């Protein structure tokens, strides 16, 4: 289970280094934007849920001209970076400023039915349980609104997981399975949920490069009750040795990310409880005798 206070601290510390190291996050966000090409939607209000340093505020605003964009994140230092980025794009493009909100995904300070599109790139995996956040998204979506998201699946960083596979505390978070997220969407009455997955791989010259990038983006181990750091010197040396077994023929070390994509709609009309039917009673016009 992730510790949200730890998540806030980790991403707050990583705010200044995040953009330099977030190569994978940019690639996945770009792929999400391409998926919007196949969806017919003209949102008036967009929520970037877990916006981080605000990389997608401007692209979303440009794609949907005239829509207002709100960026929301748990970590205030991330939003401070987003504010600077947004100010730059506003000067260059002359577009309206995005609204920025510091809040938790499970308690969105937005009115019910006030958002047409919720976009969330690699945020849900840091939730102890993604379902409460998805329930809040359902609440703030207008009927006919869309959620589009990406997350990490359980095979993410499998090399690092195996490198630290001993009797110590786990070195990598447990990430929700694609099917579990899909089941949550169904339970919450989302319509037409679509889930798919792909494996993406980053490569590094050495083990330290893997860990350095993870720390730079705030993706440290955030389970409750863990020991500080990834372990003692002996455990660290053993993990480094084990990770070497994954070195490829080209001399590079891989870091695998199971990337989950999903989208679903809030029905235009509210779903009825199972077994409920609607019977229409219409007054018949009077007939003259």
C-alpha atoms as a PDB file:
ATOM      1  CA  UNK A   1       0.000   0.000   0.000  1.00  0.00           C
ATOM      2  CA  UNK A   2       1.371   3.406  -0.914  1.00  0.00           C
ATOM      3  CA  UNK A   3       1.666   6.172   1.650  1.00  0.00           C
ATOM      4  CA  UNK A   4       0.135   9.346   0.159  1.00  0.00           C
ATOM      5  CA  UNK A   5       2.094  11.577   2.518  1.00  0.00           C
ATOM      6  CA  UNK A   6       5.238   9.835   1.261  1.00  0.00           C
ATOM      7  CA  UNK A   7       4.083  10.279  -2.319  1.00  0.00           C
ATOM      8  CA  UNK A   8       3.629  14.011  -1.719  1.00  0.00           C
ATOM      9  CA  UNK A   9       7.094  14.345  -0.197  1.00  0.00           C
ATOM     10  CA  UNK A  10       8.818  12.260  -2.876  1.00  0.00           C
ATOM     11  CA  UNK A  11       7.325  14.166  -5.792  1.00  0.00           C
ATOM     12  CA  UNK A  12       7.819  17.475  -4.041  1.00  0.00           C
ATOM     13  CA  UNK A  13      11.526  16.748  -3.720  1.00  0.00           C
ATOM     14  CA  UNK A  14      11.694  15.657  -7.375  1.00  0.00           C
ATOM     15  CA  UNK A  15       9.928  18.721  -8.816  1.00  0.00           C
ATOM     16  CA  UNK A  16      13.091  20.449 -10.081  1.00  0.00           C
ATOM     17  CA  UNK A  17      14.670  17.304 -11.575  1.00  0.00           C
ATOM     18  CA  UNK A  18      11.487  15.728 -12.915  1.00  0.00           C
ATOM     19  CA  UNK A  19      11.384  17.130 -16.451  1.00  0.00           C
ATOM     20  CA  UNK A  20      14.968  16.140 -17.252  1.00  0.00           C
ATOM     21  CA  UNK A  21      14.416  12.501 -16.271  1.00  0.00           C
ATOM     22  CA  UNK A  22      10.775  12.029 -17.352  1.00  0.00           C
ATOM     23  CA  UNK A  23      11.554  10.556 -20.795  1.00  0.00           C
ATOM     24  CA  UNK A  24       9.104   7.685 -20.433  1.00  0.00           C
ATOM     25  CA  UNK A  25       6.359   9.912 -19.037  1.00  0.00           C
ATOM     26  CA  UNK A  26       6.615  12.184 -22.097  1.00  0.00           C
ATOM     27  CA  UNK A  27       6.485   9.230 -24.472  1.00  0.00           C
ATOM     28  CA  UNK A  28       3.423   7.733 -22.811  1.00  0.00           C
ATOM     29  CA  UNK A  29       1.692  11.114 -22.732  1.00  0.00           C
ATOM     30  CA  UNK A  30       2.361  11.550 -26.447  1.00  0.00           C
ATOM     31  CA  UNK A  31       0.792   8.159 -27.130  1.00  0.00           C
ATOM     32  CA  UNK A  32      -2.229   9.141 -25.080  1.00  0.00           C
ATOM     33  CA  UNK A  33      -2.640  12.336 -27.106  1.00  0.00           C
ATOM     34  CA  UNK A  34      -2.596  10.269 -30.311  1.00  0.00           C
ATOM     35  CA  UNK A  35      -5.418   8.130 -28.951  1.00  0.00           C
ATOM     36  CA  UNK A  36      -7.577  11.245 -28.654  1.00  0.00           C
ATOM     37  CA  UNK A  37      -7.477  11.457 -32.479  1.00  0.00           C
ATOM     38  CA  UNK A  38      -9.959   8.571 -32.580  1.00  0.00           C
ATOM     39  CA  UNK A  39     -12.398   9.961 -30.019  1.00  0.00           C
ATOM     40  CA  UNK A  40     -15.148  12.417 -30.867  1.00  0.00           C
ATOM     41  CA  UNK A  41     -15.284  14.896 -28.039  1.00  0.00           C
ATOM     42  CA  UNK A  42     -15.384  18.675 -27.778  1.00  0.00           C
ATOM     43  CA  UNK A  43     -14.824  19.368 -24.078  1.00  0.00           C
ATOM     44  CA  UNK A  44     -15.521  22.719 -22.510  1.00  0.00           C
ATOM     45  CA  UNK A  45     -13.560  21.917 -19.342  1.00  0.00           C
ATOM     46  CA  UNK A  46     -10.591  19.569 -18.976  1.00  0.00           C
ATOM     47  CA  UNK A  47      -8.996  18.255 -15.779  1.00  0.00           C
ATOM     48  CA  UNK A  48      -5.377  17.067 -15.902  1.00  0.00           C
ATOM     49  CA  UNK A  49      -5.418  14.793 -12.848  1.00  0.00           C
ATOM     50  CA  UNK A  50      -1.916  14.429 -11.436  1.00  0.00           C
ATOM     51  CA  UNK A  51      -0.551  17.108 -13.755  1.00  0.00           C
ATOM     52  CA  UNK A  52       2.932  17.157 -12.191  1.00  0.00           C
ATOM     53  CA  UNK A  53       5.024  19.906 -13.781  1.00  0.00           C
ATOM     54  CA  UNK A  54       2.244  20.670 -16.273  1.00  0.00           C
ATOM     55  CA  UNK A  55       3.706  19.106 -19.430  1.00  0.00           C
ATOM     56  CA  UNK A  56       0.257  18.404 -20.921  1.00  0.00           C
ATOM     57  CA  UNK A  57      -1.633  21.556 -19.961  1.00  0.00           C
ATOM     58  CA  UNK A  58      -0.627  23.414 -23.116  1.00  0.00           C
ATOM     59  CA  UNK A  59      -1.004  20.469 -25.553  1.00  0.00           C
ATOM     60  CA  UNK A  60      -4.511  19.811 -24.237  1.00  0.00           C
ATOM     61  CA  UNK A  61      -5.384  23.493 -24.475  1.00  0.00           C
ATOM     62  CA  UNK A  62      -4.127  23.649 -28.051  1.00  0.00           C
ATOM     63  CA  UNK A  63      -5.962  20.499 -29.094  1.00  0.00           C
ATOM     64  CA  UNK A  64      -9.259  21.735 -27.694  1.00  0.00           C
ATOM     65  CA  UNK A  65      -9.260  25.444 -28.454  1.00  0.00           C
ATOM     66  CA  UNK A  66     -11.643  27.333 -26.232  1.00  0.00           C
ATOM     67  CA  UNK A  67     -11.679  24.701 -23.482  1.00  0.00           C
ATOM     68  CA  UNK A  68     -10.607  25.680 -19.979  1.00  0.00           C
ATOM     69  CA  UNK A  69      -7.873  23.444 -18.549  1.00  0.00           C
ATOM     70  CA  UNK A  70      -7.351  22.708 -14.852  1.00  0.00           C
ATOM     71  CA  UNK A  71      -4.185  21.045 -13.580  1.00  0.00           C
ATOM     72  CA  UNK A  72      -4.402  19.244 -10.240  1.00  0.00           C
ATOM     73  CA  UNK A  73      -1.588  17.625  -8.274  1.00  0.00           C
ATOM     74  CA  UNK A  74      -0.867  16.435  -4.764  1.00  0.00           C
ATOM     75  CA  UNK A  75       2.584  18.061  -4.558  1.00  0.00           C
ATOM     76  CA  UNK A  76       2.737  21.851  -4.361  1.00  0.00           C
ATOM     77  CA  UNK A  77       6.339  22.091  -5.693  1.00  0.00           C
ATOM     78  CA  UNK A  78       5.188  20.288  -8.847  1.00  0.00           C
ATOM     79  CA  UNK A  79       2.461  22.888  -9.332  1.00  0.00           C
ATOM     80  CA  UNK A  80       4.984  25.680  -8.848  1.00  0.00           C
ATOM     81  CA  UNK A  81       6.978  24.234 -11.744  1.00  0.00           C
ATOM     82  CA  UNK A  82       3.751  23.922 -13.765  1.00  0.00           C
ATOM     83  CA  UNK A  83       2.941  27.589 -13.134  1.00  0.00           C
ATOM     84  CA  UNK A  84       6.259  28.663 -14.641  1.00  0.00           C
ATOM     85  CA  UNK A  85       5.797  26.433 -17.666  1.00  0.00           C
ATOM     86  CA  UNK A  86       2.236  27.652 -18.184  1.00  0.00           C
ATOM     87  CA  UNK A  87       3.297  31.293 -17.981  1.00  0.00           C
ATOM     88  CA  UNK A  88       5.870  30.689 -20.726  1.00  0.00           C
ATOM     89  CA  UNK A  89       3.368  29.042 -23.056  1.00  0.00           C
ATOM     90  CA  UNK A  90       0.818  31.748 -22.338  1.00  0.00           C
ATOM     91  CA  UNK A  91       3.280  34.414 -23.469  1.00  0.00           C
ATOM     92  CA  UNK A  92       4.310  32.468 -26.582  1.00  0.00           C
ATOM     93  CA  UNK A  93       0.852  31.336 -27.683  1.00  0.00           C
ATOM     94  CA  UNK A  94      -1.382  33.975 -26.152  1.00  0.00           C
ATOM     95  CA  UNK A  95      -3.726  31.382 -24.712  1.00  0.00           C
ATOM     96  CA  UNK A  96      -5.613  31.601 -21.389  1.00  0.00           C
ATOM     97  CA  UNK A  97      -3.800  30.453 -18.283  1.00  0.00           C
ATOM     98  CA  UNK A  98      -4.567  27.013 -16.905  1.00  0.00           C
ATOM     99  CA  UNK A  99      -6.011  26.807 -13.408  1.00  0.00           C
ATOM    100  CA  UNK A 100      -3.797  24.975 -10.918  1.00  0.00           C
ATOM    101  CA  UNK A 101      -5.139  23.208  -7.840  1.00  0.00           C
ATOM    102  CA  UNK A 102      -3.299  21.369  -5.053  1.00  0.00           C
ATOM    103  CA  UNK A 103      -5.498  18.520  -3.833  1.00  0.00           C
ATOM    104  CA  UNK A 104      -5.828  14.761  -3.516  1.00  0.00           C
ATOM    105  CA  UNK A 105      -7.414  12.705  -6.288  1.00  0.00           C
ATOM    106  CA  UNK A 106      -9.862  11.173  -3.817  1.00  0.00           C
ATOM    107  CA  UNK A 107     -11.236  14.580  -2.755  1.00  0.00           C
ATOM    108  CA  UNK A 108     -11.471  16.762  -5.850  1.00  0.00           C
ATOM    109  CA  UNK A 109     -12.474  20.373  -5.032  1.00  0.00           C
ATOM    110  CA  UNK A 110     -14.652  20.545  -8.144  1.00  0.00           C
ATOM    111  CA  UNK A 111     -18.403  20.617  -8.559  1.00  0.00           C
ATOM    112  CA  UNK A 112     -20.207  17.458  -9.553  1.00  0.00           C
ATOM    113  CA  UNK A 113     -20.785  17.202 -13.292  1.00  0.00           C
ATOM    114  CA  UNK A 114     -18.450  20.092 -14.104  1.00  0.00           C
ATOM    115  CA  UNK A 115     -15.763  18.426 -16.276  1.00  0.00           C
ATOM    116  CA  UNK A 116     -15.996  16.975 -19.792  1.00  0.00           C
ATOM    117  CA  UNK A 117     -12.577  15.298 -20.040  1.00  0.00           C
ATOM    118  CA  UNK A 118     -10.363  13.940 -17.272  1.00  0.00           C
ATOM    119  CA  UNK A 119      -6.830  13.220 -18.461  1.00  0.00           C
ATOM    120  CA  UNK A 120      -4.442  11.388 -16.130  1.00  0.00           C
ATOM    121  CA  UNK A 121      -0.960  10.368 -17.244  1.00  0.00           C
ATOM    122  CA  UNK A 122       0.795   7.962 -14.842  1.00  0.00           C
ATOM    123  CA  UNK A 123      -0.864   9.025 -11.612  1.00  0.00           C
ATOM    124  CA  UNK A 124      -3.180   6.172 -10.616  1.00  0.00           C
ATOM    125  CA  UNK A 125      -0.342   3.750  -9.804  1.00  0.00           C
ATOM    126  CA  UNK A 126       0.621   5.879  -6.797  1.00  0.00           C
ATOM    127  CA  UNK A 127      -2.807   5.523  -5.199  1.00  0.00           C
ATOM    128  CA  UNK A 128      -3.205   2.932  -2.396  1.00  0.00           C
ATOM    129  CA  UNK A 129      -6.323   1.854  -4.310  1.00  0.00           C
ATOM    130  CA  UNK A 130      -7.275   3.547  -7.612  1.00  0.00           C
ATOM    131  CA  UNK A 131     -11.016   2.931  -7.216  1.00  0.00           C
ATOM    132  CA  UNK A 132     -11.780   5.878  -4.862  1.00  0.00           C
ATOM    133  CA  UNK A 133     -10.038   8.236  -7.299  1.00  0.00           C
ATOM    134  CA  UNK A 134     -12.006   6.789 -10.205  1.00  0.00           C
ATOM    135  CA  UNK A 135     -15.189   7.279  -8.174  1.00  0.00           C
ATOM    136  CA  UNK A 136     -14.321  10.969  -7.679  1.00  0.00           C
ATOM    137  CA  UNK A 137     -13.690  11.300 -11.411  1.00  0.00           C
ATOM    138  CA  UNK A 138     -17.158   9.828 -12.026  1.00  0.00           C
ATOM    139  CA  UNK A 139     -18.636  12.457  -9.716  1.00  0.00           C
ATOM    140  CA  UNK A 140     -17.017  15.460 -11.427  1.00  0.00           C
ATOM    141  CA  UNK A 141     -17.588  14.239 -14.986  1.00  0.00           C
ATOM    142  CA  UNK A 142     -20.576  15.571 -16.866  1.00  0.00           C
ATOM    143  CA  UNK A 143     -22.886  12.939 -18.375  1.00  0.00           C
ATOM    144  CA  UNK A 144     -21.250  12.002 -21.667  1.00  0.00           C
ATOM    145  CA  UNK A 145     -17.801  12.919 -20.303  1.00  0.00           C
ATOM    146  CA  UNK A 146     -14.628  10.889 -20.783  1.00  0.00           C
ATOM    147  CA  UNK A 147     -11.763   9.714 -18.597  1.00  0.00           C
ATOM    148  CA  UNK A 148      -8.495   8.802 -20.329  1.00  0.00           C
ATOM    149  CA  UNK A 149      -5.591   7.541 -18.247  1.00  0.00           C
ATOM    150  CA  UNK A 150      -2.355   5.608 -18.151  1.00  0.00           C
ATOM    151  CA  UNK A 151      -0.831   3.682 -15.274  1.00  0.00           C
ATOM    152  CA  UNK A 152       1.860   1.113 -14.535  1.00  0.00           C
ATOM    153  CA  UNK A 153       1.037  -2.592 -14.265  1.00  0.00           C
ATOM    154  CA  UNK A 154       2.478  -5.247 -11.912  1.00  0.00           C
ATOM    155  CA  UNK A 155       5.350  -6.254 -14.231  1.00  0.00           C
ATOM    156  CA  UNK A 156       6.829  -2.744 -14.061  1.00  0.00           C
ATOM    157  CA  UNK A 157      10.516  -2.706 -13.013  1.00  0.00           C
ATOM    158  CA  UNK A 158      10.555  -6.490 -12.851  1.00  0.00           C
ATOM    159  CA  UNK A 159      14.354  -6.420 -13.088  1.00  0.00           C
ATOM    160  CA  UNK A 160      14.656  -4.203 -10.018  1.00  0.00           C
ATOM    161  CA  UNK A 161      12.075  -6.294  -8.184  1.00  0.00           C
ATOM    162  CA  UNK A 162      14.092  -9.462  -8.821  1.00  0.00           C
ATOM    163  CA  UNK A 163      17.371  -7.764  -7.939  1.00  0.00           C
ATOM    164  CA  UNK A 164      16.011  -7.028  -4.459  1.00  0.00           C
ATOM    165  CA  UNK A 165      14.151 -10.356  -4.151  1.00  0.00           C
ATOM    166  CA  UNK A 166      15.304 -11.426  -0.697  1.00  0.00           C
ATOM    167  CA  UNK A 167      13.843 -11.459   2.774  1.00  0.00           C
ATOM    168  CA  UNK A 168      13.958  -7.671   3.073  1.00  0.00           C
ATOM    169  CA  UNK A 169      11.090  -5.248   2.410  1.00  0.00           C
ATOM    170  CA  UNK A 170       9.943  -4.987  -1.234  1.00  0.00           C
ATOM    171  CA  UNK A 171      11.922  -2.514  -3.329  1.00  0.00           C
ATOM    172  CA  UNK A 172       9.164  -1.797  -5.855  1.00  0.00           C
ATOM    173  CA  UNK A 173       5.547  -0.774  -5.309  1.00  0.00           C
ATOM    174  CA  UNK A 174       2.749  -3.172  -6.057  1.00  0.00           C
ATOM    175  CA  UNK A 175       0.851  -1.800  -9.071  1.00  0.00           C
ATOM    176  CA  UNK A 176      -2.764  -2.671  -9.880  1.00  0.00           C
ATOM    177  CA  UNK A 177      -3.409  -5.141 -12.669  1.00  0.00           C
ATOM    178  CA  UNK A 178      -5.087  -3.886 -15.863  1.00  0.00           C
ATOM    179  CA  UNK A 179      -8.046  -6.221 -15.295  1.00  0.00           C
ATOM    180  CA  UNK A 180      -8.535  -4.987 -11.729  1.00  0.00           C
ATOM    181  CA  UNK A 181      -8.766  -1.385 -12.963  1.00  0.00           C
ATOM    182  CA  UNK A 182     -11.200  -2.468 -15.671  1.00  0.00           C
ATOM    183  CA  UNK A 183     -13.346  -4.244 -13.069  1.00  0.00           C
ATOM    184  CA  UNK A 184     -13.361  -1.071 -10.951  1.00  0.00           C
ATOM    185  CA  UNK A 185     -14.600   0.950 -13.918  1.00  0.00           C
ATOM    186  CA  UNK A 186     -17.457  -1.518 -14.395  1.00  0.00           C
ATOM    187  CA  UNK A 187     -18.386  -1.420 -10.712  1.00  0.00           C
ATOM    188  CA  UNK A 188     -18.501   2.369 -10.861  1.00  0.00           C
ATOM    189  CA  UNK A 189     -20.915   2.200 -13.842  1.00  0.00           C
ATOM    190  CA  UNK A 190     -18.581   3.659 -16.464  1.00  0.00           C
ATOM    191  CA  UNK A 191     -19.703   2.859 -19.995  1.00  0.00           C
ATOM    192  CA  UNK A 192     -17.644   1.181 -22.726  1.00  0.00           C
ATOM    193  CA  UNK A 193     -14.387   0.830 -20.784  1.00  0.00           C
ATOM    194  CA  UNK A 194     -11.396   0.054 -23.004  1.00  0.00           C
ATOM    195  CA  UNK A 195      -8.159  -1.274 -21.493  1.00  0.00           C
ATOM    196  CA  UNK A 196      -4.924  -2.311 -23.158  1.00  0.00           C
ATOM    197  CA  UNK A 197      -1.288  -2.736 -22.253  1.00  0.00           C
ATOM    198  CA  UNK A 198       2.178  -2.552 -23.769  1.00  0.00           C
ATOM    199  CA  UNK A 199       5.672  -3.091 -22.407  1.00  0.00           C
ATOM    200  CA  UNK A 200       8.147  -0.270 -22.837  1.00  0.00           C
ATOM    201  CA  UNK A 201      11.835  -0.530 -22.045  1.00  0.00           C
ATOM    202  CA  UNK A 202      14.435   2.031 -21.071  1.00  0.00           C
ATOM    203  CA  UNK A 203      18.104   1.047 -21.120  1.00  0.00           C
ATOM    204  CA  UNK A 204      21.000   2.242 -19.002  1.00  0.00           C
ATOM    205  CA  UNK A 205      24.757   1.932 -18.879  1.00  0.00           C
ATOM    206  CA  UNK A 206      24.737   0.849 -15.242  1.00  0.00           C
ATOM    207  CA  UNK A 207      22.600   0.058 -12.219  1.00  0.00           C
ATOM    208  CA  UNK A 208      23.169   3.483 -10.683  1.00  0.00           C
ATOM    209  CA  UNK A 209      21.614   5.104 -13.760  1.00  0.00           C
ATOM    210  CA  UNK A 210      18.378   3.166 -13.224  1.00  0.00           C
ATOM    211  CA  UNK A 211      18.102   4.234  -9.590  1.00  0.00           C
ATOM    212  CA  UNK A 212      19.143   7.824 -10.329  1.00  0.00           C
ATOM    213  CA  UNK A 213      16.329   8.278 -12.868  1.00  0.00           C
ATOM    214  CA  UNK A 214      13.738   6.780 -10.525  1.00  0.00           C
ATOM    215  CA  UNK A 215      14.760   9.174  -7.775  1.00  0.00           C
ATOM    216  CA  UNK A 216      14.788  12.124 -10.181  1.00  0.00           C
ATOM    217  CA  UNK A 217      11.120  11.602 -11.062  1.00  0.00           C
ATOM    218  CA  UNK A 218      10.065  10.851  -7.472  1.00  0.00           C
ATOM    219  CA  UNK A 219       9.337   7.186  -8.216  1.00  0.00           C
ATOM    220  CA  UNK A 220      10.870   5.885  -5.021  1.00  0.00           C
ATOM    221  CA  UNK A 221       9.521   3.011  -2.974  1.00  0.00           C
ATOM    222  CA  UNK A 222       6.571   4.390  -1.029  1.00  0.00           C
ATOM    223  CA  UNK A 223       5.025   1.451   0.830  1.00  0.00           C
ATOM    224  CA  UNK A 224       3.841   2.172   4.358  1.00  0.00           C
ATOM    225  CA  UNK A 225       6.086   0.829   7.083  1.00  0.00           C
ATOM    226  CA  UNK A 226       9.162   0.451   4.872  1.00  0.00           C
ATOM    227  CA  UNK A 227      12.696   1.067   6.067  1.00  0.00           C
ATOM    228  CA  UNK A 228      14.279   4.264   4.820  1.00  0.00           C
ATOM    229  CA  UNK A 229      16.091   3.792   1.497  1.00  0.00           C
ATOM    230  CA  UNK A 230      16.268   0.580  -0.482  1.00  0.00           C
ATOM    231  CA  UNK A 231      18.210  -1.287   2.183  1.00  0.00           C
ATOM    232  CA  UNK A 232      21.645  -1.638   3.747  1.00  0.00           C
ATOM    233  CA  UNK A 233      24.983  -1.736   1.989  1.00  0.00           C
ATOM    234  CA  UNK A 234      25.054  -5.523   1.733  1.00  0.00           C
ATOM    235  CA  UNK A 235      21.591  -5.680   0.217  1.00  0.00           C
ATOM    236  CA  UNK A 236      22.474  -2.867  -2.186  1.00  0.00           C
ATOM    237  CA  UNK A 237      25.653  -4.640  -3.341  1.00  0.00           C
ATOM    238  CA  UNK A 238      23.742  -7.891  -3.824  1.00  0.00           C
ATOM    239  CA  UNK A 239      21.038  -6.119  -5.867  1.00  0.00           C
ATOM    240  CA  UNK A 240      23.677  -4.519  -8.069  1.00  0.00           C
ATOM    241  CA  UNK A 241      25.194  -7.957  -8.715  1.00  0.00           C
ATOM    242  CA  UNK A 242      21.812  -9.526  -9.495  1.00  0.00           C
ATOM    243  CA  UNK A 243      20.835  -6.710 -11.851  1.00  0.00           C
ATOM    244  CA  UNK A 244      23.923  -7.465 -13.943  1.00  0.00           C
ATOM    245  CA  UNK A 245      22.321 -10.769 -14.988  1.00  0.00           C
ATOM    246  CA  UNK A 246      19.889  -8.739 -17.112  1.00  0.00           C
ATOM    247  CA  UNK A 247      22.611  -7.012 -19.150  1.00  0.00           C
ATOM    248  CA  UNK A 248      21.788  -7.301 -22.867  1.00  0.00           C
ATOM    249  CA  UNK A 249      23.997  -8.298 -25.763  1.00  0.00           C
ATOM    250  CA  UNK A 250      24.520  -4.610 -26.598  1.00  0.00           C
ATOM    251  CA  UNK A 251      25.912  -3.990 -23.114  1.00  0.00           C
ATOM    252  CA  UNK A 252      22.908  -2.049 -21.790  1.00  0.00           C
ATOM    253  CA  UNK A 253      20.825  -2.746 -18.695  1.00  0.00           C
ATOM    254  CA  UNK A 254      17.034  -2.761 -19.228  1.00  0.00           C
ATOM    255  CA  UNK A 255      14.258  -1.302 -17.075  1.00  0.00           C
ATOM    256  CA  UNK A 256      10.863  -2.641 -18.142  1.00  0.00           C
ATOM    257  CA  UNK A 257       7.613  -0.729 -17.656  1.00  0.00           C
ATOM    258  CA  UNK A 258       4.261  -2.469 -18.104  1.00  0.00           C
ATOM    259  CA  UNK A 259       2.180   0.442 -19.327  1.00  0.00           C
ATOM    260  CA  UNK A 260      -1.600   0.281 -18.973  1.00  0.00           C
ATOM    261  CA  UNK A 261      -3.906   2.560 -20.988  1.00  0.00           C
ATOM    262  CA  UNK A 262      -7.602   3.000 -20.398  1.00  0.00           C
ATOM    263  CA  UNK A 263     -10.573   5.162 -21.219  1.00  0.00           C
ATOM    264  CA  UNK A 264     -14.261   5.064 -20.376  1.00  0.00           C
ATOM    265  CA  UNK A 265     -17.335   7.262 -20.544  1.00  0.00           C
ATOM    266  CA  UNK A 266     -19.813   8.512 -18.015  1.00  0.00           C
ATOM    267  CA  UNK A 267     -23.141   7.551 -19.604  1.00  0.00           C
ATOM    268  CA  UNK A 268     -25.225  10.392 -20.971  1.00  0.00           C
ATOM    269  CA  UNK A 269     -28.117   9.016 -18.927  1.00  0.00           C
ATOM    270  CA  UNK A 270     -27.769   7.545 -15.465  1.00  0.00           C
ATOM    271  CA  UNK A 271     -27.699   3.756 -15.293  1.00  0.00           C
ATOM    272  CA  UNK A 272     -30.597   2.107 -13.463  1.00  0.00           C
ATOM    273  CA  UNK A 273     -30.167  -0.579 -10.822  1.00  0.00           C
ATOM    274  CA  UNK A 274     -30.108  -4.092 -12.281  1.00  0.00           C
ATOM    275  CA  UNK A 275     -33.579  -5.438 -12.939  1.00  0.00           C
ATOM    276  CA  UNK A 276     -35.208  -1.995 -12.943  1.00  0.00           C
ATOM    277  CA  UNK A 277     -37.409  -1.029 -15.886  1.00  0.00           C
ATOM    278  CA  UNK A 278     -39.026   2.254 -16.844  1.00  0.00           C
ATOM    279  CA  UNK A 279     -42.714   2.244 -17.776  1.00  0.00           C
ATOM    280  CA  UNK A 280     -44.149   5.356 -19.400  1.00  0.00           C
ATOM    281  CA  UNK A 281     -47.723   6.360 -18.570  1.00  0.00           C
ATOM    282  CA  UNK A 282     -49.088   8.835 -21.091  1.00  0.00           C
ATOM    283  CA  UNK A 283     -52.495  10.436 -20.831  1.00  0.00           C
ATOM    284  CA  UNK A 284     -54.551   9.479 -23.833  1.00  0.00           C
ATOM    285  CA  UNK A 285     -56.394  12.304 -25.611  1.00  0.00           C
ATOM    286  CA  UNK A 286     -60.092  12.545 -24.841  1.00  0.00           C
ATOM    287  CA  UNK A 287     -62.363  11.039 -27.453  1.00  0.00           C
ATOM    288  CA  UNK A 288     -65.666  12.719 -28.264  1.00  0.00           C
ATOM    289  CA  UNK A 289     -68.671  10.408 -28.007  1.00  0.00           C
END
